[in-house]
Protein backbone atom coordinates (compact mmCIF):
# COMPACT_ATOMS: atom_id res chain seq x y z
CA UNK A 1 0.00 0.00 0.00
CA UNK A 2 1.57 3.32 -1.07
CA UNK A 3 1.94 6.36 1.15
CA UNK A 4 -0.92 8.33 -0.43
CA UNK A 5 -3.33 5.39 -0.06
CA UNK A 6 -2.41 5.09 3.63
CA UNK A 7 -2.94 8.81 4.13
CA UNK A 8 -6.34 8.66 2.44
CA UNK A 9 -7.39 5.75 4.68
CA UNK A 10 -6.34 7.68 7.78
CA UNK A 11 -8.34 10.76 6.80
CA UNK A 12 -11.31 8.57 5.93
CA UNK A 13 -11.19 7.12 9.45
CA UNK A 14 -10.95 10.61 10.97
CA UNK A 15 -13.85 11.92 8.88
CA UNK A 16 -16.01 8.98 9.99
CA UNK A 17 -15.40 9.70 13.67
CA UNK A 18 -18.47 11.05 15.51
CA UNK A 19 -16.04 13.30 17.40
CA UNK A 20 -14.78 15.04 14.23
CA UNK A 21 -17.04 17.89 13.17
CA UNK A 22 -16.59 21.04 11.08
CA UNK A 23 -12.97 20.25 10.28
CA UNK A 24 -11.71 19.47 13.80
CA UNK A 25 -12.17 17.12 16.74
CA UNK A 26 -14.64 18.27 19.40
CA UNK A 27 -15.21 17.66 23.10
CA UNK A 28 -18.38 16.04 24.40
CA UNK A 29 -19.37 19.36 26.00
CA UNK A 30 -18.81 22.77 24.47
CA UNK A 31 -15.30 23.74 25.57
CA UNK A 32 -13.47 27.02 25.13
CA UNK A 33 -9.71 26.79 25.54
CA UNK A 34 -9.61 30.25 27.13
CA UNK A 35 -12.14 32.05 29.28
CA UNK A 36 -14.15 34.56 27.25
CA UNK A 37 -13.00 37.50 29.40
CA UNK A 38 -9.25 36.83 28.95
CA UNK A 39 -7.29 37.99 25.92
CA UNK A 40 -4.32 36.20 24.38
CA UNK A 41 -2.14 39.31 24.84
CA UNK A 42 -3.00 39.47 28.56
CA UNK A 43 -2.13 35.80 28.93
CA UNK A 44 1.24 36.22 27.24
CA UNK A 45 2.08 39.25 29.40
CA UNK A 46 1.32 37.26 32.52
CA UNK A 47 3.27 34.23 31.24
CA UNK A 48 6.47 36.22 30.81
CA UNK A 49 6.04 38.00 34.15
CA UNK A 50 5.24 35.06 36.41
CA UNK A 51 6.41 35.02 40.02
CA UNK A 52 9.57 33.08 40.90
CA UNK A 53 7.46 30.71 42.98
CA UNK A 54 6.25 28.90 39.84
CA UNK A 55 9.58 27.04 40.08
CA UNK A 56 11.01 25.25 43.14
CA UNK A 57 13.64 27.13 45.17
CA UNK A 58 16.17 24.30 44.91
CA UNK A 59 16.68 21.09 42.87
CA UNK A 60 13.94 18.53 43.44
CA UNK A 61 14.87 15.33 45.26
CA UNK A 62 14.55 12.11 43.29
CA UNK A 63 15.15 8.39 43.55
CA UNK A 64 17.35 6.69 40.99
CA UNK A 65 15.79 3.29 40.32
CA UNK A 66 17.29 0.62 38.07
CA UNK A 67 14.35 0.44 35.69
CA UNK A 68 15.75 -2.51 33.77
CA UNK A 69 15.86 -4.78 36.81
CA UNK A 70 12.27 -4.32 38.05
CA UNK A 71 10.47 -7.63 38.36
CA UNK A 72 7.02 -7.84 39.91
CA UNK A 73 3.82 -9.90 39.73
CA UNK A 74 1.85 -6.76 40.67
CA UNK A 75 1.84 -3.43 38.80
CA UNK A 76 4.75 -1.19 39.72
CA UNK A 77 4.58 2.47 38.67
CA UNK A 78 7.50 4.91 38.48
CA UNK A 79 6.64 8.56 37.94
CA UNK A 80 9.17 10.77 36.13
CA UNK A 81 7.51 14.11 36.91
CA UNK A 82 4.72 15.87 35.02
CA UNK A 83 2.71 13.22 33.11
CA UNK A 84 5.47 10.73 32.27
CA UNK A 85 5.54 7.35 33.97
CA UNK A 86 6.54 3.71 33.50
CA UNK A 87 4.50 0.70 34.59
CA UNK A 88 5.82 -2.83 34.92
CA UNK A 89 3.98 -6.08 35.58
CA UNK A 90 5.00 -9.69 34.87
CA UNK A 91 7.75 -8.71 32.46
CA UNK A 92 5.60 -6.20 30.53
CA UNK A 93 6.65 -2.53 30.40
CA UNK A 94 4.19 0.28 29.61
CA UNK A 95 5.43 3.85 29.12
CA UNK A 96 3.08 6.85 29.09
CA UNK A 97 3.77 10.33 27.62
CA UNK A 98 7.57 10.30 28.03
CA UNK A 99 9.29 13.70 28.01
CA UNK A 100 13.02 13.33 28.69
CA UNK A 101 14.44 16.13 26.52
CA UNK A 102 14.40 18.65 29.37
CA UNK A 103 11.87 20.90 27.68
CA UNK A 104 8.13 21.07 26.93
CA UNK A 105 8.22 23.59 24.11
CA UNK A 106 9.27 23.86 20.46
CA UNK A 107 11.71 26.47 21.78
CA UNK A 108 13.67 24.65 24.54
CA UNK A 109 14.66 27.83 26.38
CA UNK A 110 11.01 28.71 27.10
CA UNK A 111 9.72 25.81 29.23
CA UNK A 112 12.62 23.98 30.83
CA UNK A 113 12.40 21.10 33.30
CA UNK A 114 12.95 21.99 36.95
CA UNK A 115 16.43 21.13 38.26
CA UNK A 116 16.33 17.60 39.68
CA UNK A 117 13.18 16.62 37.77
CA UNK A 118 14.93 15.39 34.63
CA UNK A 119 16.82 12.59 36.38
CA UNK A 120 16.03 9.91 33.78
CA UNK A 121 16.86 9.46 30.11
CA UNK A 122 15.86 7.04 27.35
CA UNK A 123 19.04 5.06 28.08
CA UNK A 124 17.69 4.24 31.54
CA UNK A 125 14.55 2.61 30.15
CA UNK A 126 14.01 -1.11 29.53
CA UNK A 127 12.48 -2.43 26.31
CA UNK A 128 8.98 -0.94 26.06
CA UNK A 129 6.17 -3.31 25.12
CA UNK A 130 3.53 -0.59 24.96
CA UNK A 131 3.97 3.16 24.54
CA UNK A 132 0.87 5.29 25.13
CA UNK A 133 0.71 8.89 23.89
CA UNK A 134 -2.47 10.61 25.14
CA UNK A 135 -2.31 13.63 22.79
CA UNK A 136 0.14 15.67 20.76
CA UNK A 137 0.96 18.63 23.03
CA UNK A 138 4.67 19.25 23.60
CA UNK A 139 4.52 18.26 27.28
CA UNK A 140 3.07 14.84 26.34
CA UNK A 141 4.47 14.07 22.88
CA UNK A 142 8.17 14.93 22.95
CA UNK A 143 9.46 14.12 19.48
CA UNK A 144 13.09 14.11 20.56
CA UNK A 145 12.34 11.47 23.18
CA UNK A 146 10.20 9.41 20.78
CA UNK A 147 12.94 9.42 18.14
CA UNK A 148 15.41 8.11 20.70
CA UNK A 149 12.88 5.47 21.79
CA UNK A 150 12.00 4.13 18.34
CA UNK A 151 14.20 1.01 18.59
CA UNK A 152 13.01 0.22 22.13
CA UNK A 153 9.26 0.32 21.50
CA UNK A 154 7.26 -2.67 20.28
CA UNK A 155 3.81 -1.05 19.94
CA UNK A 156 2.26 2.41 20.29
CA UNK A 157 -1.34 3.27 21.17
CA UNK A 158 -2.61 6.79 20.64
CA UNK A 159 -5.78 8.72 19.67
CA UNK A 160 -6.89 9.27 16.08
CA UNK A 161 -4.58 11.50 14.05
CA UNK A 162 -1.60 11.47 16.42
CA UNK A 163 0.03 8.81 14.25
CA UNK A 164 0.93 11.55 11.77
CA UNK A 165 3.13 13.21 14.42
CA UNK A 166 4.63 9.88 15.42
CA UNK A 167 5.49 8.90 11.87
CA UNK A 168 7.45 12.15 11.56
CA UNK A 169 9.60 10.71 14.36
CA UNK A 170 10.50 7.90 11.93
CA UNK A 171 8.20 5.48 13.72
CA UNK A 172 7.01 2.67 11.47
CA UNK A 173 3.30 2.91 10.69
CA UNK A 174 2.69 -0.75 11.57
CA UNK A 175 3.74 -0.11 15.18
CA UNK A 176 1.02 2.51 15.67
CA UNK A 177 -2.59 1.80 16.64
CA UNK A 178 -4.90 4.83 16.61
CA UNK A 179 -8.11 4.65 18.61
CA UNK A 180 -11.26 6.75 18.72
CA UNK A 181 -13.12 7.24 22.01
CA UNK A 182 -14.76 4.00 23.22
CA UNK A 183 -12.68 1.89 20.82
CA UNK A 184 -10.65 -0.97 22.28
CA UNK A 185 -7.77 -3.15 21.21
CA UNK A 186 -6.28 -6.31 22.69
CA UNK A 187 -2.54 -6.89 22.67
CA UNK A 188 -3.21 -10.43 23.88
CA UNK A 189 -5.65 -12.27 26.16
CA UNK A 190 -4.21 -10.53 29.23
CA UNK A 191 -3.87 -6.94 28.00
CA UNK A 192 -6.64 -4.71 26.64
CA UNK A 193 -6.56 -0.95 26.12
CA UNK A 194 -9.65 1.22 25.66
CA UNK A 195 -9.59 4.86 24.52
CA UNK A 196 -12.01 6.98 26.55
CA UNK A 197 -13.00 10.66 26.40
CA UNK A 198 -11.11 13.60 27.89
CA UNK A 199 -11.99 17.30 27.90
CA UNK A 200 -9.03 19.00 26.29
CA UNK A 201 -7.71 19.96 22.84
CA UNK A 202 -4.78 19.23 20.52
CA UNK A 203 -2.33 21.10 18.32
CA UNK A 204 1.38 21.76 17.98
CA UNK A 205 1.10 24.95 15.98
CA UNK A 206 -1.56 27.54 15.29
CA UNK A 207 -4.19 25.03 14.12
CA UNK A 208 -6.04 23.00 16.74
CA UNK A 209 -8.11 19.86 16.63
CA UNK A 210 -6.51 17.95 13.75
CA UNK A 211 -5.89 14.99 16.07
CA UNK A 212 -7.85 13.60 19.00
CA UNK A 213 -6.97 13.64 22.72
CA UNK A 214 -7.94 10.80 25.05
CA UNK A 215 -7.76 9.06 28.37
CA UNK A 216 -7.24 5.29 28.46
CA UNK A 217 -8.48 2.30 30.40
CA UNK A 218 -5.79 -0.37 30.78
CA UNK A 219 -6.85 -3.89 31.73
CA UNK A 220 -3.70 -5.89 32.40
CA UNK A 221 -3.35 -9.27 34.11
CA UNK A 222 -6.58 -8.71 36.03
CA UNK A 223 -5.77 -5.14 37.14
CA UNK A 224 -7.85 -2.17 36.01
CA UNK A 225 -5.99 1.15 35.66
CA UNK A 226 -7.20 4.54 34.42
CA UNK A 227 -4.69 6.71 32.56
CA UNK A 228 -6.13 10.20 32.52
CA UNK A 229 -3.99 12.26 30.15
CA UNK A 230 -5.04 15.92 30.22
CA UNK A 231 -8.65 16.81 30.92
CA UNK A 232 -10.91 19.42 32.40
CA UNK A 233 -13.65 18.19 34.69
CA UNK A 234 -16.88 16.97 33.08
CA UNK A 235 -19.49 14.22 33.13
CA UNK A 236 -17.29 11.76 31.21
CA UNK A 237 -15.52 10.69 34.40
CA UNK A 238 -18.74 9.36 35.91
CA UNK A 239 -19.68 7.62 32.67
CA UNK A 240 -16.27 5.94 32.43
CA UNK A 241 -16.49 4.91 36.09
CA UNK A 242 -19.94 3.38 35.55
CA UNK A 243 -18.89 1.57 32.38
CA UNK A 244 -15.37 0.40 33.26
CA UNK A 245 -14.82 0.92 37.00
CA UNK A 246 -13.91 0.30 39.69
CA UNK A 247 -10.23 1.09 39.11
CA UNK A 248 -7.29 -0.15 41.14
CA UNK A 249 -5.54 3.13 40.30
CA UNK A 250 -6.46 6.40 38.57
CA UNK A 251 -3.66 8.59 37.24
CA UNK A 252 -5.09 12.09 36.97
CA UNK A 253 -3.73 15.57 36.30
CA UNK A 254 -3.74 18.05 39.18
CA UNK A 255 -1.56 20.95 38.04
CA UNK A 256 -1.15 23.70 35.43
CA UNK A 257 -4.67 25.03 36.07
CA UNK A 258 -5.77 28.65 35.90
CA UNK A 259 -9.02 30.61 35.92
CA UNK A 260 -8.06 31.81 32.42
CA UNK A 261 -8.47 28.23 31.11
CA UNK A 262 -10.97 26.59 33.49
CA UNK A 263 -12.36 23.95 31.12
CA UNK A 264 -9.24 22.19 29.80
CA UNK A 265 -7.43 21.43 33.09
CA UNK A 266 -8.72 20.48 36.51
CA UNK A 267 -8.20 22.28 39.77
CA UNK A 268 -6.98 19.86 42.48
CA UNK A 269 -10.42 19.72 44.09
CA UNK A 270 -11.89 18.65 40.74
CA UNK A 271 -9.22 15.98 40.39
CA UNK A 272 -10.31 14.40 43.68
CA UNK A 273 -13.94 14.50 42.55
CA UNK A 274 -12.97 12.89 39.24
CA UNK A 275 -11.33 10.00 41.10
CA UNK A 276 -14.55 9.57 43.11
CA UNK A 277 -16.61 9.62 39.89
CA UNK A 278 -14.31 6.98 38.41
CA UNK A 279 -14.69 4.77 41.48
CA UNK A 280 -10.92 4.61 41.87
CA UNK A 281 -9.41 2.88 44.88
CA UNK A 282 -6.25 5.02 44.76
CA UNK A 283 -5.36 8.32 43.08
CA UNK A 284 -1.95 9.23 41.67
CA UNK A 285 -1.85 12.99 40.92
CA UNK A 286 0.42 13.99 38.02
CA UNK A 287 0.97 16.95 35.64
CA UNK A 288 3.08 18.84 38.19
CA UNK A 289 6.67 19.01 39.56
CA UNK A 290 8.52 19.28 36.26
CA UNK A 291 7.34 22.20 34.11
CA UNK A 292 5.83 25.59 34.89
CA UNK A 293 2.97 25.95 32.41
CA UNK A 294 0.69 28.02 34.66
CA UNK A 295 0.99 30.80 37.21
CA UNK A 296 0.46 28.97 40.51
CA UNK A 297 3.23 28.11 42.98
CA UNK A 298 5.02 24.97 41.86
CA UNK A 299 3.88 23.01 44.94
CA UNK A 300 0.36 24.44 45.24
CA UNK A 301 -1.28 21.53 43.35
CA UNK A 302 0.03 18.85 45.69
CA UNK A 303 -0.77 20.86 48.82
CA UNK A 304 -4.34 21.45 47.70
CA UNK A 305 -4.96 17.91 46.50
CA UNK A 306 -3.61 16.20 49.63
CA UNK A 307 -5.79 18.46 51.75
CA UNK A 308 -9.03 17.81 49.89
CA UNK A 309 -8.24 14.09 49.51
CA UNK A 310 -7.91 13.79 53.29
CA UNK A 311 -11.19 15.64 53.79
CA UNK A 312 -13.01 13.34 51.35
CA UNK A 313 -11.29 10.12 52.49
CA UNK A 314 -9.71 9.53 49.08
CA UNK A 315 -6.55 7.41 49.13
CA UNK A 316 -3.74 9.22 47.37
CA UNK A 317 -0.13 8.32 46.59
CA UNK A 318 2.57 10.97 46.30
CA UNK A 319 5.82 9.29 45.25
CA UNK A 320 9.04 11.13 44.70
CA UNK A 321 10.25 11.27 41.10
CA UNK A 322 11.72 7.85 40.31
CA UNK A 323 10.34 6.16 43.43
CA UNK A 324 8.71 2.78 42.62
CA UNK A 325 5.18 2.21 43.95
CA UNK A 326 3.53 -1.22 43.87
CA UNK A 327 -0.21 -1.05 43.25
CA UNK A 328 -2.53 -2.70 45.82
CA UNK A 329 0.22 -2.83 48.45
CA UNK A 330 0.57 -0.57 51.50
CA UNK A 331 1.38 2.98 50.40
CA UNK A 332 3.71 5.27 52.31
CA UNK A 333 3.45 8.96 51.53
CA UNK A 334 6.07 11.53 52.39
CA UNK A 335 5.78 15.28 51.98
CA UNK A 336 8.98 15.33 49.94
CA UNK A 337 8.03 18.64 48.27
CA UNK A 338 8.68 20.50 51.54
CA UNK A 339 12.22 21.30 50.47
C-alpha cells in the first residue's frame, strides 16, 4: 500500500469519527480553551512575568531506580515528573507520555524542566512493550524522546490523528494503533486498552483539533488502571467509572490550572472529585513538579490535593520522582516537596 493510499485511509477514518465535526475534533461538551473575558495578549504578558514561585527554590529530590531490573507480579509504577511514567507487571513494560528532553516547548529555552526533575533518560529505560501517547501537546508528545525510543518500542497506542506526528519521528506505521473514544484493542488475552474521552484539545502549531486527545483504560493481568492524560472536569468521568470501573488506580492531572483556562485542566479539588466519579481505589496525581505551564506556585497543586483528599477520604499516593510504587500494596506517603 503506497503512502498516499495510507494517508487517504487515515483521513477517511478521521472523517467517519463522531467526534470530528466542522474540520476538527470536538469535546463532548462545548469547551473554550480560554475564558471569554481573557485575551491572548493578557495571557502572554502574565506568562512572561510570572512570580519566581512557579519554580522550586532548589533542585527537586529524586530516587534513581534501576528500571531494567524491576520484576514484579503486581503493577509497579515509576513517575518521572509531570505526566510521564513507567509501569511494569509480569515482564511487561508500559510507558506513558515520556518527556526526557528537558523541555516542553518547540523552543527549549522557554519551558525547561525543573532542576532535579529530569533525572532519567531514554538510556535508563528497559524495552517498552507498549507506549501510550495521550495527545500531541509538547509536554506529552516529545518528538526528541520518541525518536530516541523508536528502537526500544514494540507497539504504540494513541488517539486518532496522532500517528501523523509519530510517523514524523521515523516510527514505522505498523507499530502505531490509533483509537477513537470508546474503541478498544487487545494486545493479547491478558492486556486490553480502551480509549475513553477527555476534555481538552490538541495542536502543535496555530491550528487546533486535527488529532484527538484521550484518556485510556488499561486492563492488564486482572488489574484495572485509568490513565487520565489531560482533561478538564466533566461528566465523562462518571460515565467511564460506571462503564469500566472500579479502578485499582487512577492517574489524573492536578496541576497547570488557571481561571483563564478553566475547562481544559482540573483544579486539584476537581481531580479528587474525578477520582470519586471513576470509582478509583487510589489516586496518583500527576501533571506537576517538572514544568511551569501556569501561574500557581510549583507546589500548590500537591498541597491542595492532599488536603481535599484527606477531607473526602480519598486514598492518594505521592511518590518522589523515580520512586517505585507497587499497586494494591501498603502505600507510604512523604511530603517530599517541603524542600
